Amino acid sequence: MPRQLRIEYPGAIYHVMNRGDRREPIYQDDADRTRFLQTLGEACRKTDWQIHACRLMGNHFHVVLETPGGNLVAGMPWLLSTYTARFNRRHKLFGTWTHVAKQLSHNPEQPENQADMNLCQK
């Protein structure tokens, strides 16, 4: 069954979740987490997204963001491909690490594997 059409409009608020392929870690260390947050900040500047909440976990992330321009679909490919390229270059790897972004996902993870991050506030 195909995924439902993602509705986009100015001012929409989304809970975006993305997971590593085969549930593998998407950050190897704090430098990777920092690089992801920097890349997310760049995506915010490019798209005018406003981040309301962000949680980085071992093999996935959650972001609650607002799209004043109704442009979630335009910005997500840039965010994911840019971070993937930077991660791969740093670790001398190739390929993708993410599955298709999912909205309104819930995955209870053990608290010891969670990291709260603040970023991207204008």
PDB file of N, CA and C in Angstrom:
ATOM      1  N   MET A   1       0.840  -1.167   0.000  1.00  0.00           N
ATOM      2  CA  MET A   1       0.000   0.000   0.000  1.00  0.00           C
ATOM      3  C   MET A   1       0.894   1.242   0.000  1.00  0.00           C
ATOM      4  N   PRO A   2       0.660   2.190  -0.900  1.00  0.00           N
ATOM      5  CA  PRO A   2       1.497   3.385  -0.969  1.00  0.00           C
ATOM      6  C   PRO A   2       1.274   4.293   0.233  1.00  0.00           C
ATOM      7  N   ARG A   3       2.294   5.082   0.516  1.00  0.00           N
ATOM      8  CA  ARG A   3       2.225   6.063   1.600  1.00  0.00           C
ATOM      9  C   ARG A   3       1.189   7.117   1.252  1.00  0.00           C
ATOM     10  N   GLN A   4       0.486   7.633   2.260  1.00  0.00           N
ATOM     11  CA  GLN A   4      -0.478   8.699   2.034  1.00  0.00           C
ATOM     12  C   GLN A   4       0.251   9.958   1.573  1.00  0.00           C
ATOM     13  N   LEU A   5      -0.406  10.749   0.759  1.00  0.00           N
ATOM     14  CA  LEU A   5       0.153  11.999   0.276  1.00  0.00           C
ATOM     15  C   LEU A   5       0.470  12.906   1.455  1.00  0.00           C
ATOM     16  N   ARG A   6       1.669  13.487   1.446  1.00  0.00           N
ATOM     17  CA  ARG A   6       2.066  14.419   2.503  1.00  0.00           C
ATOM     18  C   ARG A   6       1.470  15.782   2.165  1.00  0.00           C
ATOM     19  N   ILE A   7       0.700  16.324   3.056  1.00  0.00           N
ATOM     20  CA  ILE A   7       0.072  17.623   2.850  1.00  0.00           C
ATOM     21  C   ILE A   7       1.037  18.702   3.324  1.00  0.00           C
ATOM     22  N   GLU A   8       1.308  19.665   2.437  1.00  0.00           N
ATOM     23  CA  GLU A   8       2.196  20.774   2.772  1.00  0.00           C
ATOM     24  C   GLU A   8       1.436  22.087   2.636  1.00  0.00           C
ATOM     25  N   TYR A   9       1.674  22.985   3.576  1.00  0.00           N
ATOM     26  CA  TYR A   9       1.100  24.329   3.488  1.00  0.00           C
ATOM     27  C   TYR A   9       1.911  25.240   4.403  1.00  0.00           C
ATOM     28  N   PRO A  10       1.932  26.536   4.127  1.00  0.00           N
ATOM     29  CA  PRO A  10       2.684  27.467   4.970  1.00  0.00           C
ATOM     30  C   PRO A  10       2.207  27.400   6.418  1.00  0.00           C
ATOM     31  N   GLY A  11       3.167  27.330   7.336  1.00  0.00           N
ATOM     32  CA  GLY A  11       2.862  27.289   8.756  1.00  0.00           C
ATOM     33  C   GLY A  11       2.595  25.904   9.311  1.00  0.00           C
ATOM     34  N   ALA A  12       2.710  24.878   8.476  1.00  0.00           N
ATOM     35  CA  ALA A  12       2.476  23.504   8.945  1.00  0.00           C
ATOM     36  C   ALA A  12       3.556  23.107   9.955  1.00  0.00           C
ATOM     37  N   ILE A  13       3.174  22.291  10.918  1.00  0.00           N
ATOM     38  CA  ILE A  13       4.111  21.756  11.900  1.00  0.00           C
ATOM     39  C   ILE A  13       4.162  20.246  11.710  1.00  0.00           C
ATOM     40  N   TYR A  14       5.382  19.722  11.591  1.00  0.00           N
ATOM     41  CA  TYR A  14       5.601  18.304  11.329  1.00  0.00           C
ATOM     42  C   TYR A  14       6.474  17.683  12.410  1.00  0.00           C
ATOM     43  N   HIS A  15       6.208  16.441  12.726  1.00  0.00           N
ATOM     44  CA  HIS A  15       7.119  15.610  13.506  1.00  0.00           C
ATOM     45  C   HIS A  15       7.798  14.709  12.488  1.00  0.00           C
ATOM     46  N   VAL A  16       9.066  14.984  12.238  1.00  0.00           N
ATOM     47  CA  VAL A  16       9.828  14.224  11.249  1.00  0.00           C
ATOM     48  C   VAL A  16      10.732  13.263  11.996  1.00  0.00           C
ATOM     49  N   MET A  17      10.759  12.031  11.545  1.00  0.00           N
ATOM     50  CA  MET A  17      11.620  11.005  12.128  1.00  0.00           C
ATOM     51  C   MET A  17      12.346  10.307  10.993  1.00  0.00           C
ATOM     52  N   ASN A  18      13.608  10.028  11.180  1.00  0.00           N
ATOM     53  CA  ASN A  18      14.365   9.310  10.169  1.00  0.00           C
ATOM     54  C   ASN A  18      15.308   8.348  10.873  1.00  0.00           C
ATOM     55  N   ARG A  19      15.423   7.155  10.330  1.00  0.00           N
ATOM     56  CA  ARG A  19      16.193   6.080  10.958  1.00  0.00           C
ATOM     57  C   ARG A  19      17.288   5.587  10.015  1.00  0.00           C
ATOM     58  N   GLY A  20      18.381   5.116  10.583  1.00  0.00           N
ATOM     59  CA  GLY A  20      19.465   4.542   9.797  1.00  0.00           C
ATOM     60  C   GLY A  20      19.046   3.237   9.133  1.00  0.00           C
ATOM     61  N   ASP A  21      19.657   2.948   7.984  1.00  0.00           N
ATOM     62  CA  ASP A  21      19.399   1.673   7.306  1.00  0.00           C
ATOM     63  C   ASP A  21      19.659   0.522   8.271  1.00  0.00           C
ATOM     64  N   ARG A  22      18.802  -0.482   8.210  1.00  0.00           N
ATOM     65  CA  ARG A  22      18.933  -1.668   9.055  1.00  0.00           C
ATOM     66  C   ARG A  22      19.067  -1.297  10.539  1.00  0.00           C
ATOM     67  N   ARG A  23      18.507  -0.129  10.883  1.00  0.00           N
ATOM     68  CA  ARG A  23      18.548   0.385  12.262  1.00  0.00           C
ATOM     69  C   ARG A  23      19.970   0.546  12.786  1.00  0.00           C
ATOM     70  N   GLU A  24      20.902   0.795  11.888  1.00  0.00           N
ATOM     71  CA  GLU A  24      22.297   1.001  12.285  1.00  0.00           C
ATOM     72  C   GLU A  24      22.484   2.416  12.828  1.00  0.00           C
ATOM     73  N   PRO A  25      23.501   2.629  13.667  1.00  0.00           N
ATOM     74  CA  PRO A  25      23.766   3.973  14.199  1.00  0.00           C
ATOM     75  C   PRO A  25      24.017   4.975  13.071  1.00  0.00           C
ATOM     76  N   ILE A  26      23.527   6.190  13.258  1.00  0.00           N
ATOM     77  CA  ILE A  26      23.758   7.238  12.268  1.00  0.00           C
ATOM     78  C   ILE A  26      24.759   8.272  12.773  1.00  0.00           C
ATOM     79  N   TYR A  27      25.207   8.114  14.000  1.00  0.00           N
ATOM     80  CA  TYR A  27      26.257   8.953  14.569  1.00  0.00           C
ATOM     81  C   TYR A  27      27.258   8.011  15.224  1.00  0.00           C
ATOM     82  N   GLN A  28      28.529   8.230  14.970  1.00  0.00           N
ATOM     83  CA  GLN A  28      29.538   7.403  15.630  1.00  0.00           C
ATOM     84  C   GLN A  28      30.108   8.070  16.872  1.00  0.00           C
ATOM     85  N   ASP A  29      29.974   9.396  16.945  1.00  0.00           N
ATOM     86  CA  ASP A  29      30.520  10.116  18.095  1.00  0.00           C
ATOM     87  C   ASP A  29      29.894  11.508  18.166  1.00  0.00           C
ATOM     88  N   ASP A  30      30.333  12.295  19.153  1.00  0.00           N
ATOM     89  CA  ASP A  30      29.785  13.636  19.324  1.00  0.00           C
ATOM     90  C   ASP A  30      30.081  14.542  18.130  1.00  0.00           C
ATOM     91  N   ALA A  31      31.185  14.317  17.459  1.00  0.00           N
ATOM     92  CA  ALA A  31      31.501  15.127  16.272  1.00  0.00           C
ATOM     93  C   ALA A  31      30.444  14.907  15.190  1.00  0.00           C
ATOM     94  N   ASP A  32      29.966  13.674  15.031  1.00  0.00           N
ATOM     95  CA  ASP A  32      28.899  13.402  14.058  1.00  0.00           C
ATOM     96  C   ASP A  32      27.598  14.083  14.471  1.00  0.00           C
ATOM     97  N   ARG A  33      27.276  14.041  15.764  1.00  0.00           N
ATOM     98  CA  ARG A  33      26.053  14.693  16.237  1.00  0.00           C
ATOM     99  C   ARG A  33      26.134  16.203  16.006  1.00  0.00           C
ATOM    100  N   THR A  34      27.289  16.779  16.286  1.00  0.00           N
ATOM    101  CA  THR A  34      27.481  18.210  16.047  1.00  0.00           C
ATOM    102  C   THR A  34      27.348  18.525  14.563  1.00  0.00           C
ATOM    103  N   ARG A  35      27.921  17.691  13.718  1.00  0.00           N
ATOM    104  CA  ARG A  35      27.841  17.908  12.271  1.00  0.00           C
ATOM    105  C   ARG A  35      26.387  17.814  11.796  1.00  0.00           C
ATOM    106  N   PHE A  36      25.625  16.862  12.339  1.00  0.00           N
ATOM    107  CA  PHE A  36      24.219  16.763  11.968  1.00  0.00           C
ATOM    108  C   PHE A  36      23.471  18.044  12.356  1.00  0.00           C
ATOM    109  N   LEU A  37      23.700  18.527  13.578  1.00  0.00           N
ATOM    110  CA  LEU A  37      23.020  19.739  14.030  1.00  0.00           C
ATOM    111  C   LEU A  37      23.420  20.949  13.191  1.00  0.00           C
ATOM    112  N   GLN A  38      24.690  21.029  12.807  1.00  0.00           N
ATOM    113  CA  GLN A  38      25.132  22.113  11.928  1.00  0.00           C
ATOM    114  C   GLN A  38      24.421  22.026  10.574  1.00  0.00           C
ATOM    115  N   THR A  39      24.297  20.822  10.045  1.00  0.00           N
ATOM    116  CA  THR A  39      23.631  20.627   8.757  1.00  0.00           C
ATOM    117  C   THR A  39      22.149  20.955   8.870  1.00  0.00           C
ATOM    118  N   LEU A  40      21.526  20.572   9.968  1.00  0.00           N
ATOM    119  CA  LEU A  40      20.126  20.930  10.194  1.00  0.00           C
ATOM    120  C   LEU A  40      19.978  22.445  10.273  1.00  0.00           C
ATOM    121  N   GLY A  41      20.915  23.109  10.935  1.00  0.00           N
ATOM    122  CA  GLY A  41      20.892  24.573  11.002  1.00  0.00           C
ATOM    123  C   GLY A  41      21.000  25.204   9.623  1.00  0.00           C
ATOM    124  N   GLU A  42      21.852  24.637   8.768  1.00  0.00           N
ATOM    125  CA  GLU A  42      21.964  25.129   7.395  1.00  0.00           C
ATOM    126  C   GLU A  42      20.642  24.940   6.652  1.00  0.00           C
ATOM    127  N   ALA A  43      20.008  23.790   6.842  1.00  0.00           N
ATOM    128  CA  ALA A  43      18.714  23.534   6.199  1.00  0.00           C
ATOM    129  C   ALA A  43      17.688  24.561   6.670  1.00  0.00           C
ATOM    130  N   CYS A  44      17.730  24.919   7.951  1.00  0.00           N
ATOM    131  CA  CYS A  44      16.803  25.929   8.480  1.00  0.00           C
ATOM    132  C   CYS A  44      17.029  27.279   7.807  1.00  0.00           C
ATOM    133  N   ARG A  45      18.279  27.642   7.626  1.00  0.00           N
ATOM    134  CA  ARG A  45      18.563  28.926   6.974  1.00  0.00           C
ATOM    135  C   ARG A  45      18.142  28.917   5.510  1.00  0.00           C
ATOM    136  N   LYS A  46      18.313  27.780   4.832  1.00  0.00           N
ATOM    137  CA  LYS A  46      17.936  27.677   3.417  1.00  0.00           C
ATOM    138  C   LYS A  46      16.419  27.674   3.215  1.00  0.00           C
ATOM    139  N   THR A  47      15.696  27.080   4.132  1.00  0.00           N
ATOM    140  CA  THR A  47      14.262  26.850   3.944  1.00  0.00           C
ATOM    141  C   THR A  47      13.379  27.727   4.828  1.00  0.00           C
ATOM    142  N   ASP A  48      13.990  28.407   5.797  1.00  0.00           N
ATOM    143  CA  ASP A  48      13.275  29.210   6.781  1.00  0.00           C
ATOM    144  C   ASP A  48      12.486  28.339   7.761  1.00  0.00           C
ATOM    145  N   TRP A  49      12.871  27.053   7.892  1.00  0.00           N
ATOM    146  CA  TRP A  49      12.222  26.188   8.879  1.00  0.00           C
ATOM    147  C   TRP A  49      12.479  26.741  10.271  1.00  0.00           C
ATOM    148  N   GLN A  50      11.562  26.466  11.169  1.00  0.00           N
ATOM    149  CA  GLN A  50      11.719  26.817  12.570  1.00  0.00           C
ATOM    150  C   GLN A  50      11.630  25.537  13.386  1.00  0.00           C
ATOM    151  N   ILE A  51      12.674  25.251  14.129  1.00  0.00           N
ATOM    152  CA  ILE A  51      12.733  24.024  14.926  1.00  0.00           C
ATOM    153  C   ILE A  51      12.071  24.269  16.274  1.00  0.00           C
ATOM    154  N   HIS A  52      11.132  23.389  16.620  1.00  0.00           N
ATOM    155  CA  HIS A  52      10.465  23.468  17.925  1.00  0.00           C
ATOM    156  C   HIS A  52      11.065  22.459  18.906  1.00  0.00           C
ATOM    157  N   ALA A  53      11.529  21.325  18.415  1.00  0.00           N
ATOM    158  CA  ALA A  53      12.147  20.310  19.274  1.00  0.00           C
ATOM    159  C   ALA A  53      13.019  19.414  18.412  1.00  0.00           C
ATOM    160  N   CYS A  54      14.058  18.875  19.038  1.00  0.00           N
ATOM    161  CA  CYS A  54      14.968  17.983  18.322  1.00  0.00           C
ATOM    162  C   CYS A  54      15.530  16.973  19.309  1.00  0.00           C
ATOM    163  N   ARG A  55      15.541  15.717  18.919  1.00  0.00           N
ATOM    164  CA  ARG A  55      16.142  14.671  19.739  1.00  0.00           C
ATOM    165  C   ARG A  55      16.962  13.773  18.836  1.00  0.00           C
ATOM    166  N   LEU A  56      18.252  13.646  19.161  1.00  0.00           N
ATOM    167  CA  LEU A  56      19.130  12.753  18.427  1.00  0.00           C
ATOM    168  C   LEU A  56      19.280  11.482  19.240  1.00  0.00           C
ATOM    169  N   MET A  57      19.037  10.355  18.603  1.00  0.00           N
ATOM    170  CA  MET A  57      19.151   9.063  19.271  1.00  0.00           C
ATOM    171  C   MET A  57      20.157   8.234  18.492  1.00  0.00           C
ATOM    172  N   GLY A  58      20.543   7.113  18.996  1.00  0.00           N
ATOM    173  CA  GLY A  58      21.616   6.341  18.393  1.00  0.00           C
ATOM    174  C   GLY A  58      21.443   6.018  16.921  1.00  0.00           C
ATOM    175  N   ASN A  59      20.254   5.551  16.543  1.00  0.00           N
ATOM    176  CA  ASN A  59      20.062   5.130  15.153  1.00  0.00           C
ATOM    177  C   ASN A  59      18.977   5.935  14.431  1.00  0.00           C
ATOM    178  N   HIS A  60      18.515   7.037  15.043  1.00  0.00           N
ATOM    179  CA  HIS A  60      17.517   7.861  14.388  1.00  0.00           C
ATOM    180  C   HIS A  60      17.433   9.225  15.059  1.00  0.00           C
ATOM    181  N   PHE A  61      16.644  10.087  14.441  1.00  0.00           N
ATOM    182  CA  PHE A  61      16.403  11.393  15.036  1.00  0.00           C
ATOM    183  C   PHE A  61      14.932  11.748  14.914  1.00  0.00           C
ATOM    184  N   HIS A  62      14.495  12.654  15.784  1.00  0.00           N
ATOM    185  CA  HIS A  62      13.159  13.228  15.735  1.00  0.00           C
ATOM    186  C   HIS A  62      13.337  14.745  15.687  1.00  0.00           C
ATOM    187  N   VAL A  63      12.589  15.411  14.832  1.00  0.00           N
ATOM    188  CA  VAL A  63      12.582  16.871  14.771  1.00  0.00           C
ATOM    189  C   VAL A  63      11.131  17.313  14.624  1.00  0.00           C
ATOM    190  N   VAL A  64      10.732  18.258  15.457  1.00  0.00           N
ATOM    191  CA  VAL A  64       9.440  18.909  15.280  1.00  0.00           C
ATOM    192  C   VAL A  64       9.755  20.276  14.684  1.00  0.00           C
ATOM    193  N   LEU A  65       9.261  20.501  13.471  1.00  0.00           N
ATOM    194  CA  LEU A  65       9.594  21.746  12.788  1.00  0.00           C
ATOM    195  C   LEU A  65       8.380  22.373  12.138  1.00  0.00           C
ATOM    196  N   GLU A  66       8.475  23.679  11.979  1.00  0.00           N
ATOM    197  CA  GLU A  66       7.432  24.449  11.316  1.00  0.00           C
ATOM    198  C   GLU A  66       7.972  24.932   9.979  1.00  0.00           C
ATOM    199  N   THR A  67       7.126  24.886   8.962  1.00  0.00           N
ATOM    200  CA  THR A  67       7.541  25.289   7.616  1.00  0.00           C
ATOM    201  C   THR A  67       6.758  26.525   7.182  1.00  0.00           C
ATOM    202  N   PRO A  68       7.275  27.727   7.472  1.00  0.00           N
ATOM    203  CA  PRO A  68       6.571  28.940   7.055  1.00  0.00           C
ATOM    204  C   PRO A  68       6.322  28.990   5.546  1.00  0.00           C
ATOM    205  N   GLY A  69       7.191  28.335   4.771  1.00  0.00           N
ATOM    206  CA  GLY A  69       7.031  28.334   3.325  1.00  0.00           C
ATOM    207  C   GLY A  69       6.347  27.101   2.774  1.00  0.00           C
ATOM    208  N   GLY A  70       5.881  26.206   3.639  1.00  0.00           N
ATOM    209  CA  GLY A  70       5.238  24.979   3.159  1.00  0.00           C
ATOM    210  C   GLY A  70       6.173  24.144   2.316  1.00  0.00           C
ATOM    211  N   ASN A  71       7.432  23.978   2.758  1.00  0.00           N
ATOM    212  CA  ASN A  71       8.468  23.387   1.920  1.00  0.00           C
ATOM    213  C   ASN A  71       9.206  22.211   2.567  1.00  0.00           C
ATOM    214  N   LEU A  72       8.507  21.374   3.294  1.00  0.00           N
ATOM    215  CA  LEU A  72       9.158  20.218   3.915  1.00  0.00           C
ATOM    216  C   LEU A  72       9.780  19.302   2.869  1.00  0.00           C
ATOM    217  N   VAL A  73       9.029  18.973   1.839  1.00  0.00           N
ATOM    218  CA  VAL A  73       9.519  18.043   0.820  1.00  0.00           C
ATOM    219  C   VAL A  73      10.715  18.620   0.073  1.00  0.00           C
ATOM    220  N   ALA A  74      10.768  19.909  -0.106  1.00  0.00           N
ATOM    221  CA  ALA A  74      11.905  20.530  -0.795  1.00  0.00           C
ATOM    222  C   ALA A  74      13.174  20.491   0.061  1.00  0.00           C
ATOM    223  N   GLY A  75      13.037  20.606   1.384  1.00  0.00           N
ATOM    224  CA  GLY A  75      14.212  20.693   2.243  1.00  0.00           C
ATOM    225  C   GLY A  75      14.764  19.374   2.748  1.00  0.00           C
ATOM    226  N   MET A  76      13.917  18.374   2.951  1.00  0.00           N
ATOM    227  CA  MET A  76      14.384  17.109   3.526  1.00  0.00           C
ATOM    228  C   MET A  76      15.428  16.395   2.666  1.00  0.00           C
ATOM    229  N   PRO A  77      15.257  16.296   1.354  1.00  0.00           N
ATOM    230  CA  PRO A  77      16.301  15.630   0.566  1.00  0.00           C
ATOM    231  C   PRO A  77      17.663  16.312   0.700  1.00  0.00           C
ATOM    232  N   TRP A  78      17.659  17.646   0.758  1.00  0.00           N
ATOM    233  CA  TRP A  78      18.933  18.364   0.920  1.00  0.00           C
ATOM    234  C   TRP A  78      19.553  18.019   2.269  1.00  0.00           C
ATOM    235  N   LEU A  79      18.767  18.072   3.338  1.00  0.00           N
ATOM    236  CA  LEU A  79      19.281  17.772   4.676  1.00  0.00           C
ATOM    237  C   LEU A  79      19.876  16.370   4.726  1.00  0.00           C
ATOM    238  N   LEU A  80      19.109  15.380   4.279  1.00  0.00           N
ATOM    239  CA  LEU A  80      19.550  13.988   4.400  1.00  0.00           C
ATOM    240  C   LEU A  80      20.742  13.679   3.499  1.00  0.00           C
ATOM    241  N   SER A  81      20.716  14.149   2.270  1.00  0.00           N
ATOM    242  CA  SER A  81      21.828  13.840   1.363  1.00  0.00           C
ATOM    243  C   SER A  81      23.096  14.585   1.772  1.00  0.00           C
ATOM    244  N   THR A  82      22.953  15.815   2.249  1.00  0.00           N
ATOM    245  CA  THR A  82      24.136  16.585   2.663  1.00  0.00           C
ATOM    246  C   THR A  82      24.789  15.968   3.886  1.00  0.00           C
ATOM    247  N   TYR A  83      23.982  15.632   4.909  1.00  0.00           N
ATOM    248  CA  TYR A  83      24.575  15.008   6.093  1.00  0.00           C
ATOM    249  C   TYR A  83      25.195  13.659   5.741  1.00  0.00           C
ATOM    250  N   THR A  84      24.519  12.885   4.918  1.00  0.00           N
ATOM    251  CA  THR A  84      25.049  11.577   4.526  1.00  0.00           C
ATOM    252  C   THR A  84      26.400  11.730   3.827  1.00  0.00           C
ATOM    253  N   ALA A  85      26.505  12.670   2.909  1.00  0.00           N
ATOM    254  CA  ALA A  85      27.766  12.890   2.202  1.00  0.00           C
ATOM    255  C   ALA A  85      28.872  13.299   3.174  1.00  0.00           C
ATOM    256  N   ARG A  86      28.555  14.159   4.119  1.00  0.00           N
ATOM    257  CA  ARG A  86      29.559  14.609   5.097  1.00  0.00           C
ATOM    258  C   ARG A  86      29.974  13.462   6.019  1.00  0.00           C
ATOM    259  N   PHE A  87      28.998  12.680   6.473  1.00  0.00           N
ATOM    260  CA  PHE A  87      29.283  11.518   7.323  1.00  0.00           C
ATOM    261  C   PHE A  87      30.181  10.527   6.566  1.00  0.00           C
ATOM    262  N   ASN A  88      29.782  10.216   5.339  1.00  0.00           N
ATOM    263  CA  ASN A  88      30.545   9.252   4.545  1.00  0.00           C
ATOM    264  C   ASN A  88      31.964   9.741   4.275  1.00  0.00           C
ATOM    265  N   ARG A  89      32.114  11.014   3.950  1.00  0.00           N
ATOM    266  CA  ARG A  89      33.445  11.566   3.678  1.00  0.00           C
ATOM    267  C   ARG A  89      34.311  11.467   4.936  1.00  0.00           C
ATOM    268  N   ARG A  90      33.754  11.808   6.085  1.00  0.00           N
ATOM    269  CA  ARG A  90      34.521  11.769   7.334  1.00  0.00           C
ATOM    270  C   ARG A  90      34.962  10.346   7.681  1.00  0.00           C
ATOM    271  N   HIS A  91      34.082   9.375   7.444  1.00  0.00           N
ATOM    272  CA  HIS A  91      34.365   8.000   7.856  1.00  0.00           C
ATOM    273  C   HIS A  91      34.811   7.098   6.711  1.00  0.00           C
ATOM    274  N   LYS A  92      35.043   7.723   5.533  1.00  0.00           N
ATOM    275  CA  LYS A  92      35.498   6.976   4.356  1.00  0.00           C
ATOM    276  C   LYS A  92      34.548   5.814   4.021  1.00  0.00           C
ATOM    277  N   LEU A  93      33.259   6.153   3.959  1.00  0.00           N
ATOM    278  CA  LEU A  93      32.206   5.191   3.638  1.00  0.00           C
ATOM    279  C   LEU A  93      31.485   5.637   2.373  1.00  0.00           C
ATOM    280  N   PHE A  94      30.530   4.838   1.925  1.00  0.00           N
ATOM    281  CA  PHE A  94      29.689   5.223   0.800  1.00  0.00           C
ATOM    282  C   PHE A  94      28.305   4.636   1.001  1.00  0.00           C
ATOM    283  N   GLY A  95      27.329   5.151   0.273  1.00  0.00           N
ATOM    284  CA  GLY A  95      25.957   4.651   0.368  1.00  0.00           C
ATOM    285  C   GLY A  95      25.095   5.535   1.235  1.00  0.00           C
ATOM    286  N   THR A  96      23.873   5.057   1.505  1.00  0.00           N
ATOM    287  CA  THR A  96      22.920   5.831   2.303  1.00  0.00           C
ATOM    288  C   THR A  96      22.828   5.256   3.708  1.00  0.00           C
ATOM    289  N   TRP A  97      22.371   6.054   4.640  1.00  0.00           N
ATOM    290  CA  TRP A  97      22.143   5.557   6.000  1.00  0.00           C
ATOM    291  C   TRP A  97      20.722   5.776   6.437  1.00  0.00           C
ATOM    292  N   THR A  98      19.901   6.339   5.589  1.00  0.00           N
ATOM    293  CA  THR A  98      18.560   6.664   6.046  1.00  0.00           C
ATOM    294  C   THR A  98      17.481   5.954   5.271  1.00  0.00           C
ATOM    295  N   HIS A  99      16.428   5.662   5.948  1.00  0.00           N
ATOM    296  CA  HIS A  99      15.196   5.211   5.318  1.00  0.00           C
ATOM    297  C   HIS A  99      14.387   6.452   4.959  1.00  0.00           C
ATOM    298  N   VAL A 100      13.326   6.263   4.283  1.00  0.00           N
ATOM    299  CA  VAL A 100      12.445   7.375   3.926  1.00  0.00           C
ATOM    300  C   VAL A 100      11.945   8.050   5.202  1.00  0.00           C
ATOM    301  N   ALA A 101      11.948   9.383   5.204  1.00  0.00           N
ATOM    302  CA  ALA A 101      11.478  10.130   6.370  1.00  0.00           C
ATOM    303  C   ALA A 101      10.020   9.787   6.654  1.00  0.00           C
ATOM    304  N   LYS A 102       9.709   9.693   7.928  1.00  0.00           N
ATOM    305  CA  LYS A 102       8.342   9.375   8.334  1.00  0.00           C
ATOM    306  C   LYS A 102       7.819  10.491   9.217  1.00  0.00           C
ATOM    307  N   GLN A 103       6.564  10.797   9.062  1.00  0.00           N
ATOM    308  CA  GLN A 103       5.909  11.786   9.901  1.00  0.00           C
ATOM    309  C   GLN A 103       5.182  11.088  11.039  1.00  0.00           C
ATOM    310  N   LEU A 104       5.061  11.795  12.117  1.00  0.00           N
ATOM    311  CA  LEU A 104       4.235  11.354  13.234  1.00  0.00           C
ATOM    312  C   LEU A 104       4.550   9.931  13.662  1.00  0.00           C
ATOM    313  N   SER A 105       5.846   9.698  13.896  1.00  0.00           N
ATOM    314  CA  SER A 105       6.302   8.377  14.314  1.00  0.00           C
ATOM    315  C   SER A 105       6.539   8.381  15.816  1.00  0.00           C
ATOM    316  N   HIS A 106       6.494   7.211  16.390  1.00  0.00           N
ATOM    317  CA  HIS A 106       6.787   7.073  17.816  1.00  0.00           C
ATOM    318  C   HIS A 106       7.619   5.816  17.990  1.00  0.00           C
ATOM    319  N   ASN A 107       8.736   5.951  18.672  1.00  0.00           N
ATOM    320  CA  ASN A 107       9.584   4.806  18.938  1.00  0.00           C
ATOM    321  C   ASN A 107      10.164   4.975  20.333  1.00  0.00           C
ATOM    322  N   PRO A 108       9.634   4.287  21.338  1.00  0.00           N
ATOM    323  CA  PRO A 108      10.195   4.415  22.685  1.00  0.00           C
ATOM    324  C   PRO A 108      11.597   3.813  22.730  1.00  0.00           C
ATOM    325  N   GLU A 109      12.548   4.627  23.079  1.00  0.00           N
ATOM    326  CA  GLU A 109      13.954   4.217  23.151  1.00  0.00           C
ATOM    327  C   GLU A 109      14.376   4.299  24.616  1.00  0.00           C
ATOM    328  N   GLN A 110      15.346   3.526  24.992  1.00  0.00           N
ATOM    329  CA  GLN A 110      15.821   3.573  26.360  1.00  0.00           C
ATOM    330  C   GLN A 110      16.425   4.940  26.661  1.00  0.00           C
ATOM    331  N   PRO A 111      16.110   5.540  27.823  1.00  0.00           N
ATOM    332  CA  PRO A 111      16.601   6.886  28.142  1.00  0.00           C
ATOM    333  C   PRO A 111      18.108   7.036  28.051  1.00  0.00           C
ATOM    334  N   GLU A 112      18.880   5.994  28.350  1.00  0.00           N
ATOM    335  CA  GLU A 112      20.337   6.135  28.310  1.00  0.00           C
ATOM    336  C   GLU A 112      20.864   6.312  26.887  1.00  0.00           C
ATOM    337  N   ASN A 113      20.042   6.058  25.872  1.00  0.00           N
ATOM    338  CA  ASN A 113      20.461   6.225  24.490  1.00  0.00           C
ATOM    339  C   ASN A 113      19.967   7.527  23.882  1.00  0.00           C
ATOM    340  N   GLN A 114      19.440   8.417  24.704  1.00  0.00           N
ATOM    341  CA  GLN A 114      18.860   9.647  24.184  1.00  0.00           C
ATOM    342  C   GLN A 114      19.781  10.823  24.441  1.00  0.00           C
ATOM    343  N   ALA A 115      19.727  11.782  23.530  1.00  0.00           N
ATOM    344  CA  ALA A 115      20.476  13.019  23.685  1.00  0.00           C
ATOM    345  C   ALA A 115      19.597  14.180  23.260  1.00  0.00           C
ATOM    346  N   ASP A 116      19.346  15.130  24.135  1.00  0.00           N
ATOM    347  CA  ASP A 116      18.572  16.323  23.779  1.00  0.00           C
ATOM    348  C   ASP A 116      19.526  17.374  23.254  1.00  0.00           C
ATOM    349  N   MET A 117      19.108  18.039  22.194  1.00  0.00           N
ATOM    350  CA  MET A 117      19.937  19.082  21.596  1.00  0.00           C
ATOM    351  C   MET A 117      19.068  20.305  21.322  1.00  0.00           C
ATOM    352  N   ASN A 118      19.624  21.488  21.545  1.00  0.00           N
ATOM    353  CA  ASN A 118      18.956  22.733  21.171  1.00  0.00           C
ATOM    354  C   ASN A 118      19.720  23.317  19.993  1.00  0.00           C
ATOM    355  N   LEU A 119      18.990  23.839  19.006  1.00  0.00           N
ATOM    356  CA  LEU A 119      19.655  24.397  17.849  1.00  0.00           C
ATOM    357  C   LEU A 119      18.712  25.233  17.042  1.00  0.00           C
ATOM    358  N   CYS A 120      19.278  25.925  16.076  1.00  0.00           N
ATOM    359  CA  CYS A 120      18.529  26.461  14.961  1.00  0.00           C
ATOM    360  C   CYS A 120      17.468  27.461  15.360  1.00  0.00           C
ATOM    361  N   GLN A 121      17.577  28.081  16.491  1.00  0.00           N
ATOM    362  CA  GLN A 121      16.600  29.100  16.862  1.00  0.00           C
ATOM    363  C   GLN A 121      17.061  30.429  16.301  1.00  0.00           C
ATOM    364  N   LYS A 122      16.146  31.125  15.694  1.00  0.00           N
ATOM    365  CA  LYS A 122      16.511  32.414  15.067  1.00  0.00           C
ATOM    366  C   LYS A 122      16.575  33.500  16.107  1.00  0.00           C
TER     367      LYS A 122
END
